[in-house]
Protein backbone atom coordinates (compact mmCIF):
# COMPACT_ATOMS: atom_id res chain seq x y z
CA MET A 1 0.00 0.00 0.00
CA ALA A 2 1.34 3.45 -0.97
CA GLU A 3 2.05 6.12 1.60
CA GLU A 4 -0.51 8.95 1.67
CA PHE A 5 0.76 12.21 0.19
CA ASN A 6 0.26 15.44 2.18
CA VAL A 7 -0.16 18.21 -0.38
CA LEU A 8 0.63 20.88 2.25
CA GLU A 9 4.20 19.59 2.50
CA HIS A 10 4.93 20.19 -1.19
CA GLU A 11 7.38 23.06 -1.80
CA LEU A 12 5.12 24.75 -4.38
CA VAL A 13 2.01 24.78 -2.16
CA PRO A 14 1.65 27.93 -0.02
CA GLU A 15 1.06 27.70 3.73
CA HIS A 16 -2.59 27.26 4.73
CA HIS A 17 -3.74 28.17 8.26
CA LEU A 18 -7.22 27.69 9.63
CA LEU A 19 -8.33 30.76 11.60
CA SER A 20 -10.40 30.66 14.77
CA GLU A 21 -13.69 32.58 14.73
CA LYS A 22 -12.10 35.40 16.78
CA GLU A 23 -9.08 35.62 14.46
CA ALA A 24 -11.37 35.69 11.42
CA GLU A 25 -13.51 38.47 12.92
CA LYS A 26 -10.39 40.55 13.68
CA VAL A 27 -9.02 40.08 10.13
CA LEU A 28 -12.37 40.92 8.51
CA LYS A 29 -12.78 44.01 10.67
CA GLY A 30 -9.26 45.15 9.69
CA LEU A 31 -10.06 44.62 6.01
CA ASN A 32 -13.50 46.23 6.40
CA MET A 33 -15.09 43.17 4.76
CA THR A 34 -17.68 40.52 5.47
CA LYS A 35 -17.09 36.78 5.07
CA ASP A 36 -19.19 36.61 1.91
CA GLN A 37 -16.89 39.16 0.24
CA LEU A 38 -13.85 36.87 0.57
CA PRO A 39 -12.69 34.69 -2.31
CA LYS A 40 -13.91 31.11 -1.84
CA ILE A 41 -12.20 27.76 -1.40
CA ARG A 42 -14.11 24.48 -1.50
CA LEU A 43 -14.18 21.81 1.20
CA ALA A 44 -13.09 19.39 -1.55
CA ASP A 45 -9.88 21.35 -2.25
CA PRO A 46 -6.88 19.09 -1.54
CA CYS A 47 -5.36 21.66 0.86
CA ILE A 48 -8.59 21.94 2.85
CA ARG A 49 -8.90 18.15 2.99
CA ALA A 50 -5.30 17.96 4.29
CA LEU A 51 -6.03 20.64 6.92
CA ASP A 52 -9.12 18.68 7.95
CA ALA A 53 -7.05 15.53 8.43
CA MET A 54 -4.29 17.33 10.37
CA LYS A 55 -6.08 19.99 12.43
CA GLY A 56 -9.56 18.58 12.95
CA PRO A 57 -12.85 19.29 11.25
CA VAL A 58 -12.91 22.12 8.70
CA GLU A 59 -16.45 23.34 8.19
CA GLU A 60 -18.25 25.55 5.74
CA GLY A 61 -18.00 29.20 6.81
CA MET A 62 -14.50 28.97 8.28
CA VAL A 63 -11.74 31.29 7.07
CA VAL A 64 -8.33 30.10 5.84
CA LYS A 65 -5.22 32.28 5.76
CA ILE A 66 -2.90 31.52 2.83
CA VAL A 67 0.72 32.72 2.98
CA ARG A 68 2.70 32.78 -0.25
CA ARG A 69 6.43 33.42 -0.11
CA SER A 70 8.46 34.67 -3.05
CA SER A 71 12.10 35.71 -3.45
CA THR A 72 11.00 38.65 -5.62
CA SER A 73 7.89 39.93 -3.84
CA GLY A 74 8.48 38.74 -0.28
CA GLU A 75 5.34 37.56 1.45
CA SER A 76 1.75 37.76 0.25
CA ILE A 77 -1.20 36.94 2.52
CA CYS A 78 -4.73 36.26 1.38
CA TYR A 79 -7.86 34.88 3.00
CA ARG A 80 -10.46 32.44 1.67
CA LEU A 81 -13.93 31.46 2.88
CA VAL A 82 -14.52 27.71 3.01
CA ILE A 83 -17.64 26.72 1.08
CA ARG A 84 -19.39 23.43 0.40
CA GLY A 85 -18.28 21.36 -2.54
């Protein structure tokens, strides 16, 4: 049987962090946005499925922080709303 691959450990996949409800509220307030204004990411996304397996249940309506690092542009942070699918 083959070993299961964790997509979050791949060098080309940016860091994904599940935010608590309080953290999400603070971020949204700072951005002057509501959850429904965030870009979406599906529960079926391989990164969300990996987070679910590692960190516990990921549910619709949660917010994920994605950190991309680049040698040319430094660090870029974005947020996604987890949706069904």
